[in-house]
Amino acid sequence: MPFREINSKMVEATVVPGQRMFSQRGAMIAYRGEVSFTPNMQGGQGGIGSMIGRRVANETTPLMTVEGSGTVMFGHGGHHIQVIQLAGDTLYVEADRLLAFDGTLQQGTMFMGSQGGVMGMVRGQVTGQGLFTTTLKGHGAVAVMAHGGVIELPITPQRPVHVDPQAYVAHHGDVRNKLSTALGWRDMVGRGSGEAFQLELSGNGAVYVQASEDRL
């Protein structure tokens, strides 16, 4: 279900009978046609196991199931929106950054400690990002939110990417992440302690970075 970008802060999706999509509650701005919005208690196609994992960590984001026939416009909090097309790969994204996504995508939950071991857990504690990250896998579209716009940076084995953890939005592909200490001039001028760390992403894929260090 493709999204049409209306502007940098609004997207429109076409809903057709027999297909469904999921959106963050409160993200619907307007719609045309016969469209229904139902609270989703199982977190998309991830099922009850995914829901329990996130509730244990207190990191759930309420979703709505969107069905029917018509068009729906989405936006939330005036945040910038980035549409990401998945072609069978997996997107790793914080749940509160999800605006809307295709119901064909399989949703799951990944413990950050499984990517980078102990450092994955440290990343969650230091940066304020969750220990659990939402995964979306399959063929379809995802609309994510960010502050100040988003840029996509390719990741290759020869050229890993270093990201300020506060600016990280999402990534996809066969990518490993590692948190490292990065003491430098920012620490000397008294900036926040989160900037003493860098998130290194290596492998094959892409990372999405926002033009801000603010959380949603």
N, C-alpha and C. Protein backbone atom coordinates (compact mmCIF):
# COMPACT_ATOMS: atom_id res chain seq x y z
N MET A 1 0.85 -1.19 0.00
CA MET A 1 0.00 0.00 0.00
C MET A 1 0.89 1.25 0.00
N PRO A 2 1.10 1.84 -1.15
CA PRO A 2 2.02 2.98 -1.22
C PRO A 2 1.44 4.22 -0.54
N PHE A 3 2.35 5.06 -0.04
CA PHE A 3 1.98 6.34 0.53
C PHE A 3 2.29 7.44 -0.49
N ARG A 4 1.41 8.41 -0.58
CA ARG A 4 1.67 9.58 -1.40
C ARG A 4 2.01 10.74 -0.47
N GLU A 5 3.18 11.33 -0.70
CA GLU A 5 3.60 12.43 0.15
C GLU A 5 2.86 13.71 -0.25
N ILE A 6 2.06 14.23 0.65
CA ILE A 6 1.34 15.48 0.41
C ILE A 6 2.29 16.66 0.60
N ASN A 7 3.02 16.64 1.70
CA ASN A 7 4.12 17.57 1.96
C ASN A 7 5.06 16.88 2.92
N SER A 8 6.01 17.60 3.48
CA SER A 8 7.01 16.96 4.33
C SER A 8 6.45 16.43 5.64
N LYS A 9 5.20 16.83 5.98
CA LYS A 9 4.63 16.44 7.27
C LYS A 9 3.30 15.72 7.15
N MET A 10 2.89 15.39 5.94
CA MET A 10 1.64 14.68 5.72
C MET A 10 1.78 13.67 4.58
N VAL A 11 1.16 12.49 4.77
CA VAL A 11 1.12 11.50 3.70
C VAL A 11 -0.32 11.01 3.54
N GLU A 12 -0.61 10.48 2.37
CA GLU A 12 -1.93 9.93 2.09
C GLU A 12 -1.79 8.49 1.64
N ALA A 13 -2.67 7.62 2.15
CA ALA A 13 -2.65 6.21 1.78
C ALA A 13 -4.01 5.82 1.22
N THR A 14 -3.99 4.94 0.22
CA THR A 14 -5.22 4.41 -0.35
C THR A 14 -5.55 3.08 0.32
N VAL A 15 -6.75 2.99 0.88
CA VAL A 15 -7.20 1.78 1.56
C VAL A 15 -8.18 1.06 0.63
N VAL A 16 -7.95 -0.23 0.39
CA VAL A 16 -8.81 -1.00 -0.51
C VAL A 16 -9.39 -2.18 0.24
N PRO A 17 -10.57 -2.65 -0.15
CA PRO A 17 -11.19 -3.80 0.53
C PRO A 17 -10.29 -5.03 0.50
N GLY A 18 -10.27 -5.75 1.61
CA GLY A 18 -9.46 -6.96 1.69
C GLY A 18 -8.04 -6.73 2.14
N GLN A 19 -7.62 -5.46 2.25
CA GLN A 19 -6.29 -5.14 2.74
C GLN A 19 -6.43 -4.23 3.95
N ARG A 20 -5.42 -4.26 4.79
CA ARG A 20 -5.45 -3.41 5.98
C ARG A 20 -4.09 -2.78 6.20
N MET A 21 -4.10 -1.76 7.01
CA MET A 21 -2.85 -1.14 7.40
C MET A 21 -2.95 -0.78 8.87
N PHE A 22 -1.81 -0.40 9.45
CA PHE A 22 -1.77 0.00 10.84
C PHE A 22 -1.22 1.42 10.95
N SER A 23 -1.75 2.16 11.91
CA SER A 23 -1.25 3.51 12.14
C SER A 23 -1.17 3.77 13.63
N GLN A 24 -0.36 4.74 13.99
CA GLN A 24 -0.31 5.16 15.38
C GLN A 24 -1.63 5.85 15.73
N ARG A 25 -2.13 5.59 16.92
CA ARG A 25 -3.38 6.22 17.32
C ARG A 25 -3.21 7.74 17.37
N GLY A 26 -4.19 8.42 16.83
CA GLY A 26 -4.13 9.88 16.78
C GLY A 26 -3.45 10.42 15.55
N ALA A 27 -3.01 9.52 14.64
CA ALA A 27 -2.27 9.97 13.45
C ALA A 27 -3.18 10.31 12.28
N MET A 28 -4.45 9.88 12.32
CA MET A 28 -5.37 10.18 11.23
C MET A 28 -5.74 11.66 11.26
N ILE A 29 -5.54 12.34 10.12
CA ILE A 29 -5.89 13.75 10.01
C ILE A 29 -7.23 13.92 9.33
N ALA A 30 -7.46 13.17 8.25
CA ALA A 30 -8.73 13.24 7.51
C ALA A 30 -8.81 12.00 6.63
N TYR A 31 -10.03 11.67 6.20
CA TYR A 31 -10.18 10.56 5.27
C TYR A 31 -11.41 10.76 4.40
N ARG A 32 -11.41 10.05 3.27
CA ARG A 32 -12.55 10.03 2.36
C ARG A 32 -12.96 8.57 2.16
N GLY A 33 -14.26 8.33 2.00
CA GLY A 33 -14.74 6.99 1.74
C GLY A 33 -15.24 6.28 2.98
N GLU A 34 -15.39 4.97 2.87
CA GLU A 34 -15.87 4.13 3.97
C GLU A 34 -14.67 3.45 4.62
N VAL A 35 -14.11 4.09 5.62
CA VAL A 35 -12.90 3.60 6.28
C VAL A 35 -13.19 3.45 7.77
N SER A 36 -12.74 2.34 8.34
CA SER A 36 -12.92 2.11 9.78
C SER A 36 -11.58 2.11 10.49
N PHE A 37 -11.58 2.54 11.74
CA PHE A 37 -10.38 2.60 12.57
C PHE A 37 -10.68 1.85 13.86
N THR A 38 -9.92 0.77 14.10
CA THR A 38 -10.18 -0.09 15.25
C THR A 38 -8.93 -0.20 16.11
N PRO A 39 -9.05 0.00 17.44
CA PRO A 39 -7.88 -0.18 18.31
C PRO A 39 -7.30 -1.57 18.15
N ASN A 40 -5.98 -1.64 18.00
CA ASN A 40 -5.30 -2.91 17.82
C ASN A 40 -4.56 -3.27 19.09
N MET A 41 -4.92 -4.40 19.69
CA MET A 41 -4.35 -4.79 20.98
C MET A 41 -3.19 -5.77 20.85
N GLN A 42 -2.85 -6.19 19.61
CA GLN A 42 -1.80 -7.19 19.46
C GLN A 42 -0.59 -6.65 18.72
N GLY A 43 -0.55 -5.33 18.48
CA GLY A 43 0.65 -4.75 17.87
C GLY A 43 0.92 -5.20 16.47
N GLY A 44 -0.12 -5.23 15.61
CA GLY A 44 0.10 -5.62 14.22
C GLY A 44 0.24 -7.11 14.07
N GLN A 45 1.03 -7.56 13.08
CA GLN A 45 1.15 -8.99 12.80
C GLN A 45 2.18 -9.68 13.68
N GLY A 46 2.75 -8.96 14.63
CA GLY A 46 3.72 -9.60 15.51
C GLY A 46 3.07 -10.55 16.48
N GLY A 47 1.75 -10.43 16.71
CA GLY A 47 1.05 -11.35 17.58
C GLY A 47 1.25 -11.03 19.04
N ILE A 48 0.71 -11.91 19.87
CA ILE A 48 0.68 -11.68 21.30
C ILE A 48 2.07 -11.69 21.92
N GLY A 49 2.99 -12.51 21.36
CA GLY A 49 4.34 -12.56 21.91
C GLY A 49 5.05 -11.23 21.80
N SER A 50 4.90 -10.58 20.64
CA SER A 50 5.51 -9.28 20.44
C SER A 50 4.92 -8.27 21.40
N MET A 51 3.60 -8.33 21.59
CA MET A 51 2.94 -7.37 22.47
C MET A 51 3.44 -7.54 23.90
N ILE A 52 3.56 -8.79 24.38
CA ILE A 52 4.01 -9.02 25.74
C ILE A 52 5.43 -8.51 25.94
N GLY A 53 6.31 -8.77 24.96
CA GLY A 53 7.69 -8.31 25.07
C GLY A 53 7.78 -6.82 25.26
N ARG A 54 6.96 -6.06 24.54
CA ARG A 54 7.02 -4.62 24.65
C ARG A 54 6.36 -4.13 25.92
N ARG A 55 5.29 -4.83 26.37
CA ARG A 55 4.64 -4.39 27.60
C ARG A 55 5.54 -4.62 28.81
N VAL A 56 6.32 -5.69 28.78
CA VAL A 56 7.27 -5.94 29.87
C VAL A 56 8.25 -4.78 29.99
N ALA A 57 8.68 -4.25 28.85
CA ALA A 57 9.62 -3.13 28.84
C ALA A 57 8.91 -1.78 28.92
N ASN A 58 7.57 -1.79 29.00
CA ASN A 58 6.78 -0.55 29.05
C ASN A 58 7.08 0.32 27.84
N GLU A 59 7.19 -0.30 26.67
CA GLU A 59 7.56 0.43 25.46
C GLU A 59 6.55 0.22 24.34
N THR A 60 5.28 0.05 24.70
CA THR A 60 4.27 -0.13 23.68
C THR A 60 3.83 1.21 23.11
N THR A 61 3.46 1.21 21.84
CA THR A 61 2.87 2.37 21.19
C THR A 61 1.53 1.93 20.63
N PRO A 62 0.42 2.51 21.10
CA PRO A 62 -0.90 2.06 20.65
C PRO A 62 -1.07 2.20 19.15
N LEU A 63 -1.65 1.18 18.52
CA LEU A 63 -1.87 1.17 17.08
C LEU A 63 -3.37 1.09 16.77
N MET A 64 -3.71 1.54 15.57
CA MET A 64 -5.06 1.40 15.04
C MET A 64 -4.99 0.53 13.80
N THR A 65 -5.97 -0.35 13.63
CA THR A 65 -6.14 -1.09 12.39
C THR A 65 -7.03 -0.27 11.46
N VAL A 66 -6.56 -0.04 10.24
CA VAL A 66 -7.28 0.78 9.26
C VAL A 66 -7.75 -0.12 8.13
N GLU A 67 -9.07 -0.16 7.89
CA GLU A 67 -9.64 -1.03 6.86
C GLU A 67 -10.77 -0.31 6.14
N GLY A 68 -11.15 -0.84 4.98
CA GLY A 68 -12.28 -0.29 4.24
C GLY A 68 -11.92 0.08 2.82
N SER A 69 -12.52 1.17 2.35
CA SER A 69 -12.29 1.64 0.99
C SER A 69 -12.28 3.15 0.98
N GLY A 70 -11.15 3.73 0.62
CA GLY A 70 -11.04 5.18 0.59
C GLY A 70 -9.61 5.63 0.68
N THR A 71 -9.40 6.88 1.03
CA THR A 71 -8.06 7.43 1.23
C THR A 71 -7.98 8.06 2.61
N VAL A 72 -6.81 7.92 3.23
CA VAL A 72 -6.60 8.44 4.58
C VAL A 72 -5.34 9.30 4.59
N MET A 73 -5.43 10.47 5.22
CA MET A 73 -4.27 11.34 5.39
C MET A 73 -3.74 11.20 6.81
N PHE A 74 -2.42 11.04 6.91
CA PHE A 74 -1.78 10.84 8.19
C PHE A 74 -0.75 11.93 8.47
N GLY A 75 -0.61 12.28 9.73
CA GLY A 75 0.41 13.19 10.22
C GLY A 75 0.32 13.18 11.73
N HIS A 76 1.38 13.63 12.40
CA HIS A 76 1.33 13.58 13.87
C HIS A 76 2.32 14.57 14.47
N GLY A 77 1.81 15.49 15.26
CA GLY A 77 2.68 16.40 16.01
C GLY A 77 3.49 17.36 15.16
N GLY A 78 3.16 17.49 13.89
CA GLY A 78 3.95 18.35 13.02
C GLY A 78 5.32 17.79 12.69
N HIS A 79 5.54 16.49 12.95
CA HIS A 79 6.84 15.88 12.69
C HIS A 79 7.03 15.65 11.19
N HIS A 80 8.28 15.67 10.76
CA HIS A 80 8.59 15.33 9.38
C HIS A 80 8.39 13.83 9.18
N ILE A 81 7.98 13.46 7.96
CA ILE A 81 7.67 12.07 7.66
C ILE A 81 8.57 11.57 6.54
N GLN A 82 9.08 10.37 6.72
CA GLN A 82 9.89 9.71 5.71
C GLN A 82 9.21 8.40 5.33
N VAL A 83 8.99 8.17 4.04
CA VAL A 83 8.41 6.91 3.57
C VAL A 83 9.53 5.97 3.14
N ILE A 84 9.52 4.77 3.69
CA ILE A 84 10.55 3.77 3.40
C ILE A 84 9.88 2.57 2.74
N GLN A 85 10.41 2.16 1.59
CA GLN A 85 9.90 1.01 0.86
C GLN A 85 10.74 -0.22 1.20
N LEU A 86 10.10 -1.28 1.65
CA LEU A 86 10.80 -2.52 1.95
C LEU A 86 10.55 -3.54 0.85
N ALA A 87 11.60 -4.23 0.43
CA ALA A 87 11.51 -5.24 -0.63
C ALA A 87 11.99 -6.57 -0.10
N GLY A 88 11.35 -7.04 0.96
CA GLY A 88 11.71 -8.33 1.53
C GLY A 88 12.69 -8.26 2.68
N ASP A 89 13.23 -7.06 2.96
CA ASP A 89 14.19 -6.94 4.05
C ASP A 89 13.49 -6.50 5.32
N THR A 90 14.28 -6.23 6.35
CA THR A 90 13.76 -5.89 7.67
C THR A 90 14.15 -4.47 8.05
N LEU A 91 13.17 -3.73 8.56
CA LEU A 91 13.42 -2.38 9.06
C LEU A 91 13.42 -2.42 10.58
N TYR A 92 14.44 -1.81 11.18
CA TYR A 92 14.55 -1.70 12.64
C TYR A 92 14.23 -0.25 13.00
N VAL A 93 13.22 -0.03 13.83
CA VAL A 93 12.77 1.33 14.10
C VAL A 93 12.15 1.38 15.49
N GLU A 94 12.34 2.51 16.18
CA GLU A 94 11.70 2.70 17.47
C GLU A 94 10.18 2.79 17.27
N ALA A 95 9.41 2.14 18.13
CA ALA A 95 7.97 2.06 17.94
C ALA A 95 7.31 3.42 17.91
N ASP A 96 7.78 4.36 18.71
CA ASP A 96 7.11 5.67 18.76
C ASP A 96 7.38 6.50 17.51
N ARG A 97 8.25 6.03 16.62
CA ARG A 97 8.51 6.74 15.36
C ARG A 97 7.63 6.23 14.23
N LEU A 98 6.89 5.16 14.45
CA LEU A 98 6.02 4.61 13.41
C LEU A 98 4.77 5.47 13.27
N LEU A 99 4.54 5.97 12.08
CA LEU A 99 3.31 6.71 11.80
C LEU A 99 2.26 5.77 11.23
N ALA A 100 2.61 5.02 10.19
CA ALA A 100 1.70 4.06 9.57
C ALA A 100 2.52 3.07 8.74
N PHE A 101 1.96 1.86 8.53
CA PHE A 101 2.66 0.89 7.71
C PHE A 101 1.68 -0.14 7.16
N ASP A 102 2.12 -0.80 6.08
CA ASP A 102 1.31 -1.81 5.42
C ASP A 102 1.01 -2.98 6.35
N GLY A 103 -0.24 -3.48 6.27
CA GLY A 103 -0.60 -4.65 7.06
C GLY A 103 0.04 -5.92 6.56
N THR A 104 0.63 -5.89 5.36
CA THR A 104 1.31 -7.07 4.83
C THR A 104 2.66 -7.31 5.52
N LEU A 105 3.18 -6.30 6.18
CA LEU A 105 4.48 -6.42 6.83
C LEU A 105 4.34 -7.17 8.16
N GLN A 106 5.29 -8.02 8.43
CA GLN A 106 5.30 -8.78 9.68
C GLN A 106 6.02 -7.99 10.75
N GLN A 107 5.33 -7.72 11.85
CA GLN A 107 5.91 -6.92 12.92
C GLN A 107 6.43 -7.82 14.02
N GLY A 108 7.60 -7.47 14.55
CA GLY A 108 8.19 -8.21 15.65
C GLY A 108 8.89 -7.28 16.60
N THR A 109 9.54 -7.88 17.59
CA THR A 109 10.28 -7.12 18.60
C THR A 109 11.65 -7.74 18.77
N MET A 110 12.68 -6.91 18.74
CA MET A 110 14.05 -7.40 18.91
C MET A 110 14.67 -6.76 20.13
N PHE A 111 15.28 -7.57 20.97
CA PHE A 111 16.02 -7.06 22.13
C PHE A 111 17.33 -6.49 21.64
N MET A 112 17.60 -5.21 21.97
CA MET A 112 18.79 -4.55 21.43
C MET A 112 20.08 -5.23 21.86
N GLY A 113 20.05 -5.97 22.96
CA GLY A 113 21.26 -6.66 23.39
C GLY A 113 21.72 -7.69 22.39
N SER A 114 20.81 -8.14 21.49
CA SER A 114 21.19 -9.14 20.50
C SER A 114 21.96 -8.53 19.34
N GLN A 115 21.98 -7.20 19.27
CA GLN A 115 22.82 -6.52 18.27
C GLN A 115 23.85 -5.69 19.02
N GLY A 116 25.03 -6.25 19.17
CA GLY A 116 26.08 -5.53 19.87
C GLY A 116 26.26 -5.99 21.30
N GLY A 117 25.60 -7.08 21.70
CA GLY A 117 25.78 -7.63 23.02
C GLY A 117 25.46 -6.63 24.12
N VAL A 118 26.32 -6.57 25.12
CA VAL A 118 26.11 -5.67 26.24
C VAL A 118 26.02 -4.23 25.78
N MET A 119 26.78 -3.88 24.75
CA MET A 119 26.78 -2.50 24.28
C MET A 119 25.40 -2.11 23.74
N GLY A 120 24.67 -3.10 23.22
CA GLY A 120 23.32 -2.82 22.78
C GLY A 120 22.45 -2.36 23.92
N MET A 121 22.62 -2.98 25.09
CA MET A 121 21.87 -2.57 26.27
C MET A 121 22.32 -1.21 26.76
N VAL A 122 23.64 -0.97 26.71
CA VAL A 122 24.18 0.33 27.12
C VAL A 122 23.60 1.43 26.25
N ARG A 123 23.49 1.14 24.94
CA ARG A 123 22.93 2.13 24.03
C ARG A 123 21.53 2.54 24.46
N GLY A 124 20.71 1.56 24.84
CA GLY A 124 19.35 1.86 25.26
C GLY A 124 19.32 2.73 26.49
N GLN A 125 20.19 2.48 27.44
CA GLN A 125 20.20 3.23 28.68
C GLN A 125 20.77 4.64 28.48
N VAL A 126 21.85 4.76 27.73
CA VAL A 126 22.54 6.04 27.59
C VAL A 126 21.79 7.00 26.70
N THR A 127 21.26 6.48 25.58
CA THR A 127 20.64 7.37 24.60
C THR A 127 19.18 7.64 24.88
N GLY A 128 18.58 6.88 25.77
CA GLY A 128 17.16 7.06 26.03
C GLY A 128 16.30 6.26 25.08
N GLN A 129 16.91 5.55 24.12
CA GLN A 129 16.15 4.69 23.22
C GLN A 129 15.87 3.38 23.94
N GLY A 130 14.81 2.71 23.52
CA GLY A 130 14.38 1.52 24.21
C GLY A 130 15.34 0.35 24.07
N LEU A 131 15.27 -0.58 25.05
CA LEU A 131 16.03 -1.81 24.95
C LEU A 131 15.41 -2.72 23.90
N PHE A 132 14.13 -2.53 23.63
CA PHE A 132 13.45 -3.28 22.59
C PHE A 132 13.23 -2.38 21.37
N THR A 133 13.42 -2.94 20.20
CA THR A 133 13.21 -2.21 18.95
C THR A 133 12.20 -2.97 18.10
N THR A 134 11.32 -2.25 17.45
CA THR A 134 10.33 -2.86 16.57
C THR A 134 10.98 -3.25 15.24
N THR A 135 10.61 -4.40 14.72
CA THR A 135 11.06 -4.83 13.40
C THR A 135 9.85 -4.98 12.48
N LEU A 136 10.01 -4.56 11.23
CA LEU A 136 9.00 -4.73 10.20
C LEU A 136 9.66 -5.41 9.02
N LYS A 137 9.10 -6.54 8.59
CA LYS A 137 9.74 -7.36 7.56
C LYS A 137 8.77 -7.71 6.46
N GLY A 138 9.25 -7.67 5.20
CA GLY A 138 8.44 -8.08 4.07
C GLY A 138 8.47 -7.08 2.95
N HIS A 139 7.40 -7.07 2.17
CA HIS A 139 7.27 -6.16 1.04
C HIS A 139 6.15 -5.17 1.36
N GLY A 140 6.49 -3.90 1.40
CA GLY A 140 5.50 -2.89 1.70
C GLY A 140 6.14 -1.57 2.06
N ALA A 141 5.30 -0.63 2.48
CA ALA A 141 5.76 0.72 2.78
C ALA A 141 5.58 1.04 4.26
N VAL A 142 6.49 1.86 4.77
CA VAL A 142 6.45 2.31 6.16
C VAL A 142 6.64 3.82 6.18
N ALA A 143 5.82 4.52 6.94
CA ALA A 143 5.99 5.96 7.13
C ALA A 143 6.47 6.19 8.55
N VAL A 144 7.67 6.76 8.69
CA VAL A 144 8.25 7.02 10.01
C VAL A 144 8.35 8.52 10.25
N MET A 145 8.40 8.90 11.53
CA MET A 145 8.44 10.31 11.91
C MET A 145 9.81 10.69 12.44
N ALA A 146 10.16 11.97 12.26
CA ALA A 146 11.45 12.47 12.73
C ALA A 146 11.36 13.98 12.91
N HIS A 147 12.35 14.51 13.62
CA HIS A 147 12.48 15.96 13.78
C HIS A 147 13.36 16.53 12.68
N GLY A 148 12.90 17.59 12.03
CA GLY A 148 13.76 18.35 11.13
C GLY A 148 14.13 17.68 9.83
N GLY A 149 13.41 16.64 9.42
CA GLY A 149 13.71 15.98 8.17
C GLY A 149 14.67 14.81 8.36
N VAL A 150 14.75 13.96 7.33
CA VAL A 150 15.52 12.72 7.40
C VAL A 150 16.42 12.59 6.19
N ILE A 151 17.60 12.05 6.40
CA ILE A 151 18.49 11.72 5.29
C ILE A 151 18.82 10.23 5.38
N GLU A 152 18.91 9.57 4.21
CA GLU A 152 19.25 8.16 4.15
C GLU A 152 20.73 8.02 3.79
N LEU A 153 21.48 7.32 4.62
CA LEU A 153 22.91 7.12 4.40
C LEU A 153 23.18 5.65 4.11
N PRO A 154 23.76 5.33 2.95
CA PRO A 154 24.06 3.93 2.64
C PRO A 154 25.18 3.40 3.53
N ILE A 155 25.09 2.11 3.84
CA ILE A 155 26.11 1.43 4.65
C ILE A 155 26.69 0.31 3.80
N THR A 156 28.01 0.27 3.66
CA THR A 156 28.68 -0.80 2.93
C THR A 156 29.80 -1.37 3.80
N PRO A 157 30.25 -2.60 3.49
CA PRO A 157 31.35 -3.17 4.30
C PRO A 157 32.59 -2.29 4.30
N GLN A 158 32.82 -1.57 3.20
CA GLN A 158 34.00 -0.72 3.11
C GLN A 158 33.80 0.64 3.80
N ARG A 159 32.52 1.03 3.96
CA ARG A 159 32.24 2.37 4.51
C ARG A 159 31.14 2.30 5.57
N PRO A 160 31.52 1.94 6.81
CA PRO A 160 30.54 2.00 7.90
C PRO A 160 30.15 3.45 8.18
N VAL A 161 29.04 3.62 8.85
CA VAL A 161 28.55 4.96 9.16
C VAL A 161 28.50 5.15 10.67
N HIS A 162 29.00 6.30 11.13
CA HIS A 162 28.94 6.66 12.54
C HIS A 162 27.86 7.71 12.74
N VAL A 163 26.97 7.46 13.69
CA VAL A 163 25.79 8.30 13.89
C VAL A 163 25.70 8.73 15.34
N ASP A 164 25.30 9.98 15.56
CA ASP A 164 24.95 10.42 16.90
C ASP A 164 23.72 9.61 17.31
N PRO A 165 23.77 8.85 18.40
CA PRO A 165 22.62 8.01 18.77
C PRO A 165 21.32 8.79 18.92
N GLN A 166 21.41 10.06 19.31
CA GLN A 166 20.20 10.86 19.48
C GLN A 166 19.56 11.19 18.13
N ALA A 167 20.33 11.13 17.05
CA ALA A 167 19.82 11.46 15.72
C ALA A 167 19.37 10.23 14.96
N TYR A 168 19.61 9.05 15.50
CA TYR A 168 19.23 7.80 14.84
C TYR A 168 17.71 7.67 14.75
N VAL A 169 17.20 7.26 13.58
CA VAL A 169 15.77 7.05 13.38
C VAL A 169 15.47 5.57 13.13
N ALA A 170 16.16 4.97 12.16
CA ALA A 170 15.90 3.57 11.80
C ALA A 170 17.02 3.08 10.89
N HIS A 171 17.07 1.77 10.67
CA HIS A 171 17.98 1.23 9.68
C HIS A 171 17.40 -0.06 9.12
N HIS A 172 17.91 -0.48 7.96
CA HIS A 172 17.50 -1.75 7.37
C HIS A 172 18.69 -2.39 6.67
N GLY A 173 18.54 -3.68 6.41
CA GLY A 173 19.60 -4.42 5.76
C GLY A 173 20.33 -5.32 6.73
N ASP A 174 21.41 -5.92 6.23
CA ASP A 174 22.26 -6.79 7.05
C ASP A 174 23.28 -5.91 7.76
N VAL A 175 22.86 -5.33 8.87
CA VAL A 175 23.65 -4.29 9.53
C VAL A 175 23.87 -4.67 11.00
N ARG A 176 25.08 -4.43 11.45
CA ARG A 176 25.41 -4.59 12.87
C ARG A 176 25.63 -3.21 13.47
N ASN A 177 25.24 -3.04 14.73
CA ASN A 177 25.51 -1.76 15.38
C ASN A 177 26.38 -1.95 16.61
N LYS A 178 27.18 -0.94 16.88
CA LYS A 178 28.11 -0.98 18.01
C LYS A 178 28.22 0.42 18.58
N LEU A 179 28.11 0.53 19.89
CA LEU A 179 28.24 1.83 20.54
C LEU A 179 29.68 2.01 21.00
N SER A 180 30.25 3.18 20.70
CA SER A 180 31.63 3.45 21.10
C SER A 180 31.72 4.83 21.75
N THR A 181 32.72 5.01 22.59
CA THR A 181 32.95 6.29 23.23
C THR A 181 33.59 7.25 22.26
N ALA A 182 33.13 8.48 22.26
CA ALA A 182 33.66 9.47 21.32
C ALA A 182 33.88 10.79 22.05
N LEU A 183 34.89 10.83 22.90
CA LEU A 183 35.20 12.06 23.62
C LEU A 183 35.81 13.07 22.67
N GLY A 184 35.29 14.27 22.68
CA GLY A 184 35.80 15.28 21.76
C GLY A 184 35.42 16.67 22.20
N TRP A 185 35.36 17.58 21.23
CA TRP A 185 35.15 18.99 21.56
C TRP A 185 33.79 19.23 22.17
N ARG A 186 32.78 18.43 21.82
CA ARG A 186 31.46 18.65 22.39
C ARG A 186 31.48 18.46 23.91
N ASP A 187 32.23 17.45 24.36
CA ASP A 187 32.33 17.22 25.79
C ASP A 187 33.05 18.36 26.48
N MET A 188 34.01 18.95 25.80
CA MET A 188 34.79 20.02 26.39
C MET A 188 33.95 21.29 26.58
N VAL A 189 32.94 21.49 25.73
CA VAL A 189 32.12 22.68 25.88
C VAL A 189 30.85 22.40 26.67
N GLY A 190 30.78 21.22 27.29
CA GLY A 190 29.71 20.96 28.23
C GLY A 190 28.41 20.50 27.63
N ARG A 191 28.44 19.90 26.43
CA ARG A 191 27.22 19.37 25.84
C ARG A 191 26.78 18.12 26.60
N GLY A 192 25.58 17.59 26.24
CA GLY A 192 25.01 16.47 26.96
C GLY A 192 25.88 15.23 26.91
N SER A 193 25.74 14.38 27.95
CA SER A 193 26.57 13.19 28.05
C SER A 193 26.28 12.21 26.93
N GLY A 194 25.05 12.25 26.33
CA GLY A 194 24.75 11.34 25.24
C GLY A 194 25.65 11.54 24.05
N GLU A 195 26.21 12.73 23.88
CA GLU A 195 27.06 13.00 22.74
C GLU A 195 28.48 12.48 22.93
N ALA A 196 28.74 11.86 24.06
CA ALA A 196 30.03 11.23 24.27
C ALA A 196 30.08 9.85 23.63
N PHE A 197 29.01 9.47 22.94
CA PHE A 197 28.93 8.16 22.32
C PHE A 197 28.58 8.29 20.85
N GLN A 198 29.07 7.33 20.07
CA GLN A 198 28.73 7.23 18.65
C GLN A 198 28.18 5.84 18.39
N LEU A 199 27.21 5.77 17.49
CA LEU A 199 26.66 4.49 17.06
C LEU A 199 27.28 4.15 15.72
N GLU A 200 28.05 3.07 15.68
CA GLU A 200 28.69 2.63 14.44
C GLU A 200 27.86 1.53 13.80
N LEU A 201 27.47 1.74 12.55
CA LEU A 201 26.69 0.76 11.81
C LEU A 201 27.52 0.25 10.64
N SER A 202 27.66 -1.08 10.55
CA SER A 202 28.49 -1.68 9.51
C SER A 202 27.73 -2.82 8.84
N GLY A 203 28.16 -3.15 7.62
CA GLY A 203 27.53 -4.22 6.86
C GLY A 203 26.97 -3.71 5.55
N ASN A 204 25.79 -4.18 5.17
CA ASN A 204 25.12 -3.75 3.94
C ASN A 204 23.71 -3.29 4.26
N GLY A 205 23.40 -2.05 3.92
CA GLY A 205 22.07 -1.53 4.18
C GLY A 205 22.05 -0.02 4.16
N ALA A 206 21.20 0.55 4.97
CA ALA A 206 21.09 2.01 5.05
C ALA A 206 20.58 2.41 6.43
N VAL A 207 20.97 3.61 6.86
CA VAL A 207 20.50 4.15 8.13
C VAL A 207 19.82 5.48 7.85
N TYR A 208 18.76 5.76 8.59
CA TYR A 208 18.02 7.01 8.46
C TYR A 208 18.31 7.88 9.68
N VAL A 209 18.73 9.12 9.39
CA VAL A 209 19.18 10.03 10.45
C VAL A 209 18.36 11.30 10.38
N GLN A 210 17.94 11.81 11.53
CA GLN A 210 17.17 13.03 11.56
C GLN A 210 18.09 14.23 11.83
N ALA A 211 17.60 15.41 11.45
CA ALA A 211 18.38 16.64 11.61
C ALA A 211 18.12 17.27 12.96
N SER A 212 18.15 16.46 14.00
CA SER A 212 17.89 16.95 15.35
C SER A 212 18.32 15.90 16.34
N GLU A 213 18.54 16.30 17.57
CA GLU A 213 18.86 15.35 18.63
C GLU A 213 17.70 15.19 19.60
N ASP A 214 16.53 15.72 19.24
CA ASP A 214 15.36 15.65 20.11
C ASP A 214 14.60 14.36 19.88
N ARG A 215 14.08 13.77 20.96
CA ARG A 215 13.21 12.63 20.85
C ARG A 215 11.80 13.10 20.54
N LEU A 216 10.99 12.19 19.99
CA LEU A 216 9.61 12.55 19.66
C LEU A 216 8.80 12.66 20.95
